[in-house]
Protein backbone atom coordinates (compact mmCIF):
# COMPACT_ATOMS: atom_id res chain seq x y z
CA MET A 1 153.23 -28.20 177.93
CA ALA A 2 150.59 -27.58 180.53
CA GLY A 3 148.27 -30.36 179.38
CA PRO A 4 144.50 -30.39 178.91
CA VAL A 5 142.32 -27.57 180.15
CA PRO A 6 141.03 -28.29 183.69
CA ALA A 7 137.38 -28.62 184.61
CA GLN A 8 135.32 -25.43 184.79
CA ALA A 9 135.76 -23.59 188.08
CA GLN A 10 132.70 -23.09 190.23
CA GLN A 11 131.94 -19.39 189.99
CA GLY A 12 132.11 -17.60 193.31
CA ALA A 13 133.29 -20.63 195.30
CA VAL A 14 135.48 -19.69 198.28
CA LEU A 15 137.68 -22.08 200.28
CA ARG A 16 138.06 -20.74 203.84
CA VAL A 17 141.05 -22.02 205.81
CA ALA A 18 141.61 -21.52 209.54
CA LEU A 19 145.08 -20.47 210.66
CA VAL A 20 146.06 -21.06 214.28
CA GLN A 21 149.58 -19.77 213.73
CA ASP A 22 150.49 -16.14 213.08
CA VAL A 23 151.82 -14.98 209.72
CA ASP A 24 155.26 -13.48 210.28
CA HIS A 25 155.96 -12.24 206.74
CA LEU A 26 154.53 -12.55 203.26
CA ASN A 27 157.93 -11.48 201.92
CA PRO A 28 159.33 -14.82 200.62
CA PHE A 29 162.90 -13.78 201.43
CA LEU A 30 162.00 -13.45 205.13
CA ALA A 31 159.02 -15.78 205.71
CA SER A 32 159.71 -18.28 208.46
CA PHE A 33 156.42 -19.57 209.87
CA ALA A 34 154.69 -22.55 208.28
CA SER A 35 151.61 -20.39 207.70
CA SER A 36 153.65 -17.80 205.81
CA THR A 37 155.59 -20.17 203.59
CA MET A 38 152.41 -22.14 202.89
CA ILE A 39 150.84 -18.98 201.47
CA GLY A 40 154.03 -18.11 199.61
CA ARG A 41 154.04 -21.47 197.86
CA LEU A 42 150.67 -20.60 196.37
CA SER A 43 151.83 -17.23 195.05
CA TRP A 44 155.20 -17.88 193.40
CA GLU A 45 156.29 -20.88 191.39
CA PHE A 46 159.55 -22.75 192.04
CA LEU A 47 162.01 -24.19 189.54
CA THR A 48 160.95 -27.65 190.69
CA LEU A 49 158.84 -28.94 193.56
CA PRO A 50 158.15 -32.28 195.25
CA SER A 51 155.32 -34.12 193.54
CA ALA A 52 152.01 -34.68 195.29
CA GLU A 53 152.23 -38.38 194.65
CA ASP A 54 155.54 -39.35 196.24
CA ASN A 55 157.65 -36.22 196.87
CA THR A 56 160.00 -36.87 193.94
CA PRO A 57 161.22 -33.74 192.10
CA SER A 58 158.74 -32.55 189.48
CA PRO A 59 158.75 -29.63 187.02
CA GLY A 60 157.77 -26.12 188.02
CA LEU A 61 159.09 -23.15 186.09
CA ALA A 62 161.85 -25.46 184.89
CA GLU A 63 160.35 -27.92 182.44
CA SER A 64 163.64 -29.83 182.15
CA TRP A 65 167.22 -29.71 183.40
CA THR A 66 170.64 -31.18 182.62
CA THR A 67 174.03 -31.21 184.31
CA SER A 68 177.59 -31.21 183.11
CA ALA A 69 179.81 -34.27 183.37
CA ASP A 70 181.59 -32.84 186.42
CA LYS A 71 178.20 -32.08 188.09
CA LEU A 72 179.18 -28.44 188.60
CA THR A 73 177.03 -26.75 185.95
CA TRP A 74 173.27 -27.09 185.89
CA THR A 75 171.16 -25.82 183.02
CA TYR A 76 167.41 -25.38 183.46
CA ARG A 77 165.01 -24.86 180.59
CA ILE A 78 162.41 -22.33 181.71
CA ARG A 79 158.98 -22.95 180.25
CA GLN A 80 157.56 -20.45 177.80
CA ASP A 81 154.25 -18.59 177.87
CA VAL A 82 154.19 -18.11 181.66
CA HIS A 83 153.27 -14.59 182.79
CA TRP A 84 153.26 -12.61 185.99
CA SER A 85 149.85 -11.46 187.11
CA ASP A 86 150.59 -7.93 185.82
CA GLY A 87 151.11 -9.30 182.32
CA GLU A 88 154.93 -9.28 182.21
CA PRO A 89 156.53 -12.53 180.99
CA VAL A 90 158.25 -14.83 183.46
CA THR A 91 161.80 -15.46 182.26
CA ALA A 92 165.06 -17.03 183.35
CA LYS A 93 166.21 -13.53 184.26
CA ASP A 94 163.66 -13.49 187.11
CA ALA A 95 165.15 -16.71 188.47
CA ALA A 96 168.71 -15.39 188.14
CA PHE A 97 167.69 -12.18 189.91
CA THR A 98 166.09 -14.13 192.78
CA PHE A 99 169.14 -16.30 193.44
CA ASN A 100 171.61 -13.45 193.01
CA ARG A 101 169.63 -11.26 195.40
CA ILE A 102 169.94 -13.96 198.04
CA ILE A 103 173.67 -14.32 197.33
CA THR A 104 174.43 -10.60 197.59
CA ASP A 105 171.95 -9.33 200.22
CA ASP A 106 172.45 -10.50 203.80
CA LYS A 107 168.85 -9.67 204.72
CA ALA A 108 167.51 -11.62 201.73
CA GLN A 109 169.31 -14.73 203.01
CA GLU A 110 167.13 -15.11 206.08
CA ALA A 111 164.74 -17.75 204.75
CA ASN A 112 166.72 -19.47 202.00
CA GLY A 113 170.35 -18.42 202.30
CA THR A 114 171.65 -21.95 202.81
CA TYR A 115 170.63 -22.84 199.25
CA VAL A 116 173.19 -20.55 197.62
CA GLU A 117 176.26 -20.97 199.84
CA ASN A 118 177.83 -23.30 197.27
CA PHE A 119 176.85 -21.29 194.19
CA ALA A 120 179.69 -19.85 192.11
CA SER A 121 177.46 -18.04 189.60
CA VAL A 122 173.88 -17.77 188.40
CA THR A 123 173.22 -16.43 184.91
CA ALA A 124 170.45 -16.24 182.32
CA PRO A 125 172.03 -16.47 178.83
CA ASP A 126 168.58 -16.02 177.32
CA GLU A 127 164.99 -15.68 178.50
CA HIS A 128 164.42 -19.42 178.76
CA THR A 129 167.80 -20.71 179.97
CA LEU A 130 169.07 -20.55 183.55
CA VAL A 131 172.61 -21.68 184.31
CA ILE A 132 173.84 -22.29 187.88
CA THR A 133 177.47 -23.15 188.50
CA THR A 134 178.46 -24.56 191.87
CA LYS A 135 181.81 -24.59 193.63
CA ALA A 136 181.48 -28.30 194.45
CA PRO A 137 178.91 -30.93 193.47
CA GLN A 138 175.59 -30.21 195.16
CA ALA A 139 173.03 -32.95 195.58
CA SER A 140 170.05 -30.60 195.92
CA MET A 141 170.01 -29.05 192.48
CA THR A 142 166.75 -30.68 191.43
CA ALA A 143 165.18 -29.54 194.68
CA LEU A 144 165.91 -25.83 195.12
CA ASP A 145 162.88 -24.78 197.10
CA VAL A 146 163.20 -21.04 196.49
CA PRO A 147 160.16 -19.07 195.32
CA ILE A 148 161.06 -17.19 192.12
CA VAL A 149 159.96 -13.53 192.25
CA PRO A 150 159.52 -10.92 189.48
CA GLU A 151 162.66 -8.86 188.98
CA HIS A 152 160.74 -5.83 187.70
CA VAL A 153 158.91 -5.61 191.06
CA TRP A 154 161.54 -6.67 193.59
CA ALA A 155 164.54 -4.89 192.04
CA GLY A 156 163.08 -1.66 193.37
CA ILE A 157 163.13 -2.95 196.95
CA ARG A 158 166.45 -1.92 198.44
CA ASP A 159 165.76 -2.90 202.04
CA MET A 160 164.14 -6.26 202.76
CA GLU A 161 162.77 -4.81 206.01
CA ASP A 162 160.91 -2.09 204.09
CA PRO A 163 157.19 -2.40 205.02
CA ARG A 164 156.38 -2.55 201.32
CA THR A 165 157.75 -6.07 201.19
CA ASP A 166 154.63 -7.27 203.01
CA SER A 167 152.19 -5.12 201.04
CA VAL A 168 149.80 -6.39 198.38
CA PRO A 169 151.25 -4.19 195.58
CA VAL A 170 154.52 -6.12 195.97
CA VAL A 171 153.51 -9.61 197.11
CA GLY A 172 150.39 -9.58 194.93
CA VAL A 173 152.38 -9.87 191.70
CA GLY A 174 152.82 -13.62 191.29
CA ASP A 175 152.66 -16.53 188.89
CA GLY A 176 151.46 -19.31 191.19
CA PRO A 177 148.05 -20.98 191.33
CA PHE A 178 146.72 -18.18 193.58
CA LEU A 179 147.42 -14.46 193.86
CA ILE A 180 147.40 -12.41 197.08
CA THR A 181 144.73 -9.69 196.91
CA GLU A 182 144.36 -8.62 200.55
CA TYR A 183 146.41 -8.85 203.72
CA ARG A 184 145.17 -7.77 207.13
CA PRO A 185 147.83 -8.74 209.71
CA ASN A 186 146.58 -11.14 212.39
CA GLU A 187 143.20 -11.33 210.65
CA LEU A 188 143.05 -12.38 207.00
CA VAL A 189 144.99 -13.20 203.86
CA ARG A 190 142.79 -13.31 200.77
CA LEU A 191 143.87 -14.83 197.44
CA LYS A 192 142.17 -15.29 194.10
CA ALA A 193 142.64 -18.18 191.70
CA ASN A 194 145.13 -17.22 189.00
CA PRO A 195 143.20 -17.40 185.71
CA GLU A 196 146.46 -17.60 183.74
CA TYR A 197 148.22 -20.21 185.85
CA TRP A 198 150.26 -22.44 183.57
CA ARG A 199 148.85 -25.70 184.95
CA GLY A 200 145.30 -24.38 184.60
CA LYS A 201 143.02 -22.34 186.82
CA ALA A 202 141.95 -23.91 190.13
CA ARG A 203 138.38 -25.18 190.36
CA TYR A 204 137.24 -22.44 192.71
CA ASP A 205 137.66 -18.70 192.68
CA GLU A 206 138.93 -17.54 196.06
CA LEU A 207 141.05 -18.81 198.94
CA GLN A 208 140.95 -17.17 202.37
CA PHE A 209 143.26 -17.77 205.34
CA ILE A 210 141.49 -16.59 208.50
CA THR A 211 143.42 -16.24 211.76
CA TYR A 212 142.06 -17.74 215.00
CA LYS A 213 143.57 -17.43 218.45
CA ASN A 214 143.70 -21.18 219.02
CA ALA A 215 142.53 -24.54 217.71
CA ASP A 216 139.37 -24.47 219.86
CA ALA A 217 138.19 -21.32 218.12
CA ALA A 218 139.05 -22.81 214.73
CA VAL A 219 137.14 -26.02 215.49
CA ASN A 220 134.08 -24.02 216.51
CA ALA A 221 134.32 -22.12 213.25
CA LEU A 222 134.44 -25.41 211.34
CA ARG A 223 131.39 -26.74 213.18
CA ASN A 224 129.51 -23.51 212.48
CA ASP A 225 130.39 -23.63 208.77
CA GLU A 226 132.50 -20.47 209.04
CA VAL A 227 135.63 -22.19 207.69
CA ASP A 228 136.15 -25.25 205.52
CA LEU A 229 139.54 -26.60 206.61
CA VAL A 230 141.48 -26.71 209.89
CA ASN A 231 144.71 -28.36 211.01
CA ARG A 232 146.88 -28.65 214.14
CA LEU A 233 144.00 -30.30 215.99
CA THR A 234 144.47 -31.97 219.34
CA SER A 235 143.59 -35.66 219.56
CA THR A 236 140.47 -34.78 221.58
CA GLN A 237 139.29 -32.31 218.95
CA PHE A 238 140.06 -34.75 216.17
CA ASP A 239 138.11 -37.57 217.83
CA ALA A 240 135.15 -35.27 218.48
CA LEU A 241 134.98 -34.27 214.80
CA THR A 242 135.41 -37.78 213.43
CA GLY A 243 132.14 -39.06 212.00
CA GLN A 244 130.31 -35.74 212.26
CA PRO A 245 127.89 -35.05 209.37
CA GLY A 246 129.49 -33.03 206.60
CA ILE A 247 132.98 -33.25 208.14
CA THR A 248 135.87 -35.51 207.12
CA THR A 249 139.03 -35.97 209.19
CA ASN A 250 142.57 -36.76 208.09
CA LYS A 251 145.29 -38.26 210.30
CA ALA A 252 148.48 -37.91 208.29
CA THR A 253 152.00 -39.23 208.32
CA GLY A 254 154.02 -36.46 209.91
CA ARG A 255 156.96 -34.61 208.41
CA ARG A 256 157.54 -32.39 211.45
CA TYR A 257 159.57 -32.90 214.59
CA ARG A 258 158.76 -31.32 217.92
CA GLU A 259 161.66 -30.37 220.18
CA LEU A 260 162.77 -28.72 223.38
CA LEU A 261 165.45 -26.16 222.50
CA MET A 262 168.30 -25.72 224.99
CA ASN A 263 170.19 -22.51 224.29
CA PRO A 264 173.78 -23.77 223.79
CA GLY A 265 175.21 -20.25 223.67
CA ALA A 266 173.55 -18.08 221.04
CA GLN A 267 176.01 -16.31 218.75
CA THR A 268 176.23 -14.65 215.35
CA LEU A 269 178.08 -15.89 212.31
CA ALA A 270 181.02 -13.73 213.44
CA ARG A 271 180.94 -15.65 216.77
CA ARG A 272 179.67 -12.65 218.72
CA PRO A 273 177.59 -13.80 221.70
CA ILE A 274 173.98 -12.62 221.65
CA GLY A 275 170.97 -13.06 223.87
CA ASP A 276 170.82 -13.85 227.55
CA GLY A 277 170.75 -17.64 227.76
CA ASN A 278 171.81 -19.26 231.00
CA PRO A 279 175.53 -20.10 230.64
CA ALA A 280 174.96 -23.45 232.35
CA LEU A 281 173.40 -24.68 229.09
CA THR A 282 176.68 -24.22 227.24
CA ASP A 283 177.80 -27.30 229.20
CA VAL A 284 176.78 -30.40 227.23
CA ARG A 285 176.64 -32.37 230.49
CA VAL A 286 173.82 -30.14 231.71
CA ARG A 287 171.94 -30.51 228.42
CA ARG A 288 172.28 -34.29 228.55
CA ALA A 289 171.04 -34.35 232.14
CA ILE A 290 167.94 -32.34 231.12
CA ALA A 291 167.29 -34.84 228.32
CA GLN A 292 167.46 -37.67 230.87
CA ALA A 293 165.01 -35.87 233.13
CA ILE A 294 162.27 -35.57 230.47
CA ASP A 295 159.86 -38.37 229.59
CA PRO A 296 158.79 -37.93 225.95
CA ARG A 297 156.58 -41.01 226.05
CA THR A 298 154.43 -39.38 228.72
CA LEU A 299 154.16 -36.21 226.62
CA ILE A 300 153.10 -38.25 223.58
CA ASP A 301 150.55 -40.29 225.51
CA LYS A 302 149.17 -37.67 227.91
CA VAL A 303 149.49 -34.43 225.94
CA LEU A 304 149.28 -35.58 222.32
CA GLY A 305 146.81 -38.37 222.97
CA GLY A 306 149.17 -40.89 221.39
CA ASP A 307 149.27 -39.01 218.07
CA GLY A 308 153.03 -38.87 217.69
CA ARG A 309 156.02 -41.17 217.35
CA LEU A 310 158.94 -41.20 219.77
CA GLY A 311 161.65 -38.78 218.68
CA GLY A 312 165.28 -39.49 217.97
CA GLY A 313 167.06 -37.89 215.04
CA LEU A 314 166.05 -34.79 213.12
CA LEU A 315 164.47 -36.65 210.18
CA PRO A 316 161.10 -38.28 210.94
CA THR A 317 160.11 -41.85 210.20
CA ALA A 318 158.19 -40.48 207.19
CA TYR A 319 161.56 -40.52 205.41
CA PRO A 320 162.90 -44.00 206.20
CA LYS A 321 165.96 -43.64 203.97
CA TYR A 322 167.31 -40.84 206.19
CA HIS A 323 165.62 -41.47 209.53
CA TRP A 324 167.98 -42.29 212.39
CA ASP A 325 167.11 -43.70 215.78
CA PRO A 326 169.61 -43.97 218.61
CA ALA A 327 170.60 -47.44 219.74
CA ASP A 328 169.34 -48.47 223.15
CA ALA A 329 172.68 -47.63 224.75
CA GLN A 330 172.67 -44.15 223.18
CA ARG A 331 169.09 -43.11 223.83
CA TYR A 332 168.34 -40.56 226.54
CA ARG A 333 165.91 -42.44 228.72
CA PHE A 334 163.77 -40.98 231.48
CA ASP A 335 166.11 -41.55 234.40
CA PRO A 336 166.03 -38.85 237.13
CA ALA A 337 168.66 -40.67 239.17
CA ALA A 338 171.10 -40.62 236.25
CA ALA A 339 170.26 -36.95 235.59
CA ASN A 340 170.99 -36.10 239.23
CA ALA A 341 174.29 -37.95 239.13
CA ALA A 342 175.30 -36.18 235.91
CA LEU A 343 174.59 -32.75 237.40
CA ASP A 344 176.52 -33.63 240.55
CA ALA A 345 179.49 -34.71 238.43
CA ALA A 346 179.29 -31.48 236.42
CA GLY A 347 179.58 -29.44 239.63
CA TYR A 348 175.98 -28.25 239.93
CA LEU A 349 175.37 -29.25 243.53
CA ARG A 350 172.13 -29.31 245.51
CA GLY A 351 171.70 -27.16 248.57
CA ALA A 352 169.69 -27.86 251.71
CA ASP A 353 166.49 -26.78 249.97
CA GLY A 354 167.11 -29.22 247.09
CA SER A 355 167.86 -26.57 244.47
CA ARG A 356 171.09 -26.61 242.52
CA THR A 357 173.65 -23.86 242.17
CA GLY A 358 176.40 -23.28 239.66
CA ARG A 359 180.08 -22.79 240.30
CA ASP A 360 179.41 -19.11 240.85
CA GLY A 361 176.91 -19.93 243.59
CA ALA A 362 173.95 -18.65 241.55
CA PRO A 363 170.81 -20.84 241.63
CA LEU A 364 170.32 -22.97 238.51
CA ARG A 365 167.05 -21.49 237.23
CA LEU A 366 165.82 -21.62 233.65
CA ARG A 367 163.04 -19.97 231.66
CA LEU A 368 160.79 -22.19 229.54
CA LEU A 369 159.36 -20.42 226.49
CA GLY A 370 156.24 -21.63 224.70
CA LYS A 371 153.20 -20.51 222.72
CA ALA A 372 150.21 -19.36 224.71
CA SER A 373 147.99 -20.36 221.78
CA GLU A 374 149.21 -23.95 221.63
CA ASP A 375 147.70 -26.79 223.63
CA PHE A 376 150.98 -28.71 223.67
CA SER A 377 153.00 -25.84 225.14
CA GLN A 378 150.36 -25.13 227.79
CA ARG A 379 150.16 -28.70 229.02
CA ALA A 380 153.69 -29.98 228.40
CA ALA A 381 155.20 -27.00 230.25
CA ASP A 382 153.78 -28.23 233.57
CA TYR A 383 155.39 -31.63 233.09
CA VAL A 384 158.78 -30.12 232.27
CA VAL A 385 158.61 -27.77 235.27
CA SER A 386 157.87 -30.73 237.52
CA TRP A 387 160.50 -33.06 236.05
CA LEU A 388 163.31 -30.52 236.17
CA GLY A 389 162.26 -29.36 239.60
CA ALA A 390 162.69 -32.93 240.79
CA ILE A 391 166.40 -32.80 239.86
CA GLY A 392 166.93 -29.39 241.46
CA ILE A 393 166.50 -27.10 238.45
CA GLY A 394 163.98 -24.33 238.93
CA VAL A 395 161.94 -23.55 235.82
CA THR A 396 159.70 -20.55 235.13
CA LYS A 397 157.04 -20.89 232.41
CA GLN A 398 156.79 -18.06 229.88
CA LEU A 399 153.86 -18.66 227.53
CA VAL A 400 153.64 -15.85 225.00
CA SER A 401 152.44 -15.10 221.45
CA ASP A 402 153.74 -17.01 218.42
CA ASN A 403 155.62 -13.96 217.19
CA GLU A 404 157.27 -13.38 220.57
CA VAL A 405 158.44 -16.99 220.67
CA ASP A 406 159.93 -16.52 217.21
CA ASP A 407 161.54 -13.19 218.08
CA ARG A 408 163.08 -14.46 221.29
CA THR A 409 164.38 -17.75 219.92
CA ASN A 410 165.91 -15.84 217.00
CA ALA A 411 167.55 -13.35 219.38
CA GLY A 412 168.76 -15.99 221.85
CA THR A 413 166.75 -14.51 224.73
CA TYR A 414 165.60 -17.84 226.12
CA ASP A 415 166.92 -20.82 228.06
CA LEU A 416 164.52 -23.60 227.07
CA ALA A 417 161.82 -23.34 224.40
CA PHE A 418 159.29 -25.60 222.76
CA SER A 419 159.87 -25.50 219.04
CA GLY A 420 159.58 -27.61 215.94
CA TRP A 421 160.40 -27.70 212.25
CA GLY A 422 158.79 -29.15 209.17
CA THR A 423 161.29 -31.36 207.38
CA SER A 424 161.52 -31.98 203.67
CA PRO A 425 161.79 -35.10 201.51
CA ASP A 426 165.48 -34.29 201.22
CA PRO A 427 167.49 -33.93 204.46
CA ASP A 428 169.81 -31.13 203.44
CA TYR A 429 167.83 -28.13 204.64
CA THR A 430 167.15 -29.66 208.04
CA LEU A 431 170.83 -30.39 208.57
CA ALA A 432 171.93 -27.05 207.13
CA LYS A 433 169.89 -25.22 209.75
CA GLN A 434 172.06 -26.80 212.47
CA SER A 435 175.41 -25.88 210.90
CA CYS A 436 177.82 -23.11 211.85
CA GLY A 437 177.10 -21.50 208.51
CA ALA A 438 173.46 -21.02 209.52
CA LEU A 439 174.33 -18.81 212.49
CA PRO A 440 172.66 -15.44 211.98
CA ALA A 441 174.54 -12.53 210.48
CA THR A 442 172.84 -10.28 213.02
CA SER A 443 170.85 -10.85 216.17
CA GLY A 444 167.21 -11.56 215.46
CA SER A 445 167.37 -13.32 212.09
CA SER A 446 166.03 -16.86 211.78
CA SER A 447 169.00 -18.39 209.98
CA SER A 448 169.81 -21.01 212.62
CA ALA A 449 167.38 -23.51 214.08
CA SER A 450 169.28 -24.09 217.33
CA PHE A 451 172.45 -21.94 217.47
CA PHE A 452 174.35 -25.22 217.19
CA CYS A 453 177.90 -24.89 215.87
CA ASP A 454 180.05 -28.01 215.97
CA PRO A 455 183.03 -28.78 213.68
CA GLN A 456 182.35 -32.53 213.70
CA PHE A 457 178.71 -32.03 212.69
CA ASP A 458 179.73 -29.50 210.03
CA ALA A 459 182.21 -31.92 208.50
CA LEU A 460 179.52 -34.58 208.16
CA TYR A 461 177.05 -32.06 206.76
CA THR A 462 179.57 -30.85 204.18
CA GLN A 463 180.24 -34.41 203.07
CA GLU A 464 176.58 -35.38 202.71
CA SER A 465 175.72 -32.21 200.80
CA ALA A 466 178.18 -33.10 198.04
CA GLU A 467 177.66 -36.88 198.05
CA LEU A 468 175.74 -38.09 194.96
CA ASP A 469 175.78 -41.79 195.85
CA PRO A 470 172.42 -42.37 197.60
CA ALA A 471 173.60 -45.07 200.00
CA ARG A 472 176.77 -43.25 201.08
CA ARG A 473 174.84 -40.03 201.46
CA ALA A 474 172.17 -41.65 203.64
CA ASP A 475 174.89 -43.01 205.94
CA LEU A 476 176.46 -39.56 206.31
CA VAL A 477 173.06 -38.03 207.06
CA LYS A 478 172.55 -40.54 209.86
CA GLN A 479 176.02 -39.89 211.27
CA ALA A 480 175.28 -36.16 211.37
CA GLN A 481 172.05 -36.81 213.26
CA ALA A 482 173.89 -39.03 215.73
CA ARG A 483 176.36 -36.22 216.45
CA TYR A 484 173.54 -33.73 216.94
CA TYR A 485 171.79 -36.13 219.31
CA ASP A 486 174.98 -36.62 221.31
CA GLN A 487 175.51 -32.86 221.71
CA VAL A 488 171.77 -32.24 222.37
CA PRO A 489 171.36 -28.53 221.52
CA SER A 490 167.74 -29.58 221.39
CA PHE A 491 165.88 -32.69 222.45
CA VAL A 492 163.58 -34.13 219.79
CA ILE A 493 160.44 -35.14 221.66
CA ASP A 494 158.36 -36.66 218.90
CA TYR A 495 157.32 -36.70 215.27
CA ASP A 496 153.77 -35.42 215.08
CA ASN A 497 150.91 -37.12 213.28
CA PRO A 498 149.14 -34.04 211.81
CA LEU A 499 145.41 -34.00 212.52
CA GLU A 500 143.17 -32.13 210.06
CA ALA A 501 139.45 -31.80 209.32
CA TYR A 502 137.44 -30.27 206.51
CA ARG A 503 133.85 -29.58 205.47
CA SER A 504 133.36 -32.36 202.93
CA ASP A 505 129.86 -31.04 202.29
CA ARG A 506 131.54 -27.98 200.74
CA PHE A 507 134.89 -29.18 199.40
CA THR A 508 136.45 -32.51 198.60
CA GLY A 509 139.20 -34.03 196.46
CA PHE A 510 142.01 -32.50 198.54
CA PRO A 511 145.26 -34.10 197.30
CA GLN A 512 147.48 -35.34 200.12
CA GLN A 513 151.26 -35.25 199.94
CA PRO A 514 152.35 -37.99 199.67
CA ALA A 515 149.24 -39.53 198.15
CA HIS A 516 146.84 -41.29 200.53
CA THR A 517 148.95 -40.88 203.69
CA GLY A 518 150.13 -37.27 203.81
CA THR A 519 148.85 -33.87 204.84
CA ILE A 520 146.51 -31.44 203.10
CA MET A 521 147.90 -28.28 204.71
CA GLU A 522 151.58 -27.40 205.29
CA GLN A 523 152.80 -29.48 202.38
CA SER A 524 156.12 -29.24 200.55
CA GLY A 525 154.06 -27.89 197.66
CA TYR A 526 150.64 -26.39 196.94
CA TRP A 527 148.73 -29.46 195.82
CA GLY A 528 146.29 -29.61 198.73
CA PHE A 529 144.82 -26.19 197.98
CA TYR A 530 145.27 -26.19 194.22
CA GLY A 531 143.51 -29.54 193.81
CA ALA A 532 140.50 -28.90 196.06
CA VAL A 533 137.11 -29.29 194.37
CA PRO A 534 133.79 -27.72 195.40
CA ALA A 535 131.64 -30.61 196.58
CA ALA A 536 128.95 -29.99 193.99
CA HIS A 537 131.52 -30.54 191.24
CA SER A 538 133.43 -33.41 192.80
CA GLY A 539 134.00 -36.32 190.48
CA GLY A 540 136.32 -38.29 192.70
CA GLY A 541 139.99 -38.88 191.92
CA ASN A 542 142.86 -36.88 193.29
CA GLY A 543 141.21 -33.52 192.70
CA LEU A 544 144.04 -32.03 190.63
CA PRO A 545 143.12 -30.20 187.43
CA ALA A 546 143.76 -32.30 184.37
CA GLY A 547 147.05 -30.64 183.44
CA ALA A 548 148.59 -30.67 186.88
CA TRP A 549 150.63 -33.84 186.44
CA ALA A 550 152.05 -32.80 183.06
CA GLY A 551 155.77 -33.43 182.77
CA ILE A 552 156.30 -35.31 186.01
CA GLY A 553 157.24 -38.54 184.28
CA ALA A 554 159.63 -36.69 182.00
CA ALA A 555 161.29 -35.02 184.95
CA VAL A 556 161.97 -38.34 186.63
CA LEU A 557 163.60 -39.61 183.45
CA VAL A 558 165.83 -36.55 183.33
CA VAL A 559 166.92 -37.03 186.94
CA VAL A 560 167.79 -40.68 186.36
CA ALA A 561 169.65 -39.82 183.17
CA ILE A 562 172.01 -37.38 184.88
CA GLY A 563 173.51 -39.94 187.18
CA GLY A 564 171.27 -40.98 190.03
CA VAL A 565 170.45 -37.66 191.65
CA ALA A 566 166.88 -38.80 192.18
CA ALA A 567 167.64 -38.65 195.87
CA ALA A 568 168.63 -35.02 195.45
CA ARG A 569 168.64 -32.96 198.61
CA ARG A 570 165.96 -30.39 199.10
CA ARG A 571 166.46 -27.24 201.10
CA SER A 572 163.02 -26.16 202.12
CA SER A 573 162.36 -22.53 202.65
CA ALA A 574 162.21 -21.89 206.35
CA ASP A 575 158.89 -23.47 206.20
CA ASP A 576 157.25 -24.87 209.36
CA ARG A 577 159.33 -23.06 211.92
CA GLU A 578 157.39 -23.11 215.17
């Protein structure tokens, strides 16, 4: 039951949001960038989604769920009276189609393929019952973060790379709180509030995502009342906006990690080498030496203005149950002398000019890839060039567009690259992206986060993914992170504190996820946008329409009743790739 009817929407009200990251795809099977998946979350409902309050699983299309005694069969009750925006009913058959398309279509696996690797079958016995059978117990079954699409629209798409998959006639048919009505690449995505949304219509009529080249341009637009909400601010921009009339700032607990990728030898799932990474980086001793030559504390203090926490494992401190920090003896500390000694021992010797050469006599030179639009990449690149130069490694900066960074890191045509991922309340997706199974089927897909493939890591990942005991699972998650840290296919620099600002003279009541400490944009749900209230109609509270919390308590009871899967893993869509 959707609950009481929400407050009357303000007619004609438009929430304008600045994007400082490109949109790669609106096709939910392919979308990789945080901007893209953020928009997708608004357009298509999920079976369940993390609650705005505390990230626990809450109902979406599935109003309830049960599992068999052996934890291999999951039955979801799909709510009735939900319709696609073209009037067709939303049924369990749409959900079965979505999962089966991912299972059977290699191209459809790009964003969310890791969810279905353990699925034995997905069926819809009737319009309101979805049954998923798994090959082994799977701890993420109350947290399948896959947008459910309409079968009657997407069944006609034979090729996921067909341009139609990013066109409004296809992506505009949705059942989420907002519906895509216009898409102008690199300019604008326009959405309207869904008047038939099952939780109730949002309190304003239109949502616009407007692309800006960088955060400076977005901040100017906010000051000039051209947009209402911006994120990815630098500390200087954030401080300058704090206390300004009509503007409210939000410093959130971060769910993203920022990293320096080190190409460990890009390859496909069939173990076919791809890309043109420097072969020196396939040597873990070289990667460890680079980690010892970088000072993340300086990057946090000097580049991020202190708005970040020192990195370690892949799961940020926002998730204390799964967060892992290396012990003092394990941590890569800024130690150029140790880095030099490690490179000497590995056989990369310095010549008379101070530069190092490999065993083949070729100079040890690396390319550093980063976003031209991003303040961090621009400024941190100079530090990295200097630090690695000091240990005899020549580095060439290559600052390019967001899409080129994505294309090249997917294709393995890089040596070093600044990157980052948004993590989820459940650790499974983050770990899955580092597994051998995430290696791309073909060059250029975004299946793998780092091209890491390590049997020891995979064994730990496989164990945690099937472990239903919360304490044992948390220990396995930490062991997997320790192995990743030891092999250093990437070096986690920090966990960002997201910095956001909005025109509180126009909109207020933005729900944060989690409540009071989390972000407004780039959530693991859609609460921040769905719950926004035009300032003239603000009545305080969390901003969510009255029916939005319906069923959350019941869902928690169901999860507890089926044997302690409240800590169920959550495989995010490829959201927040940077």
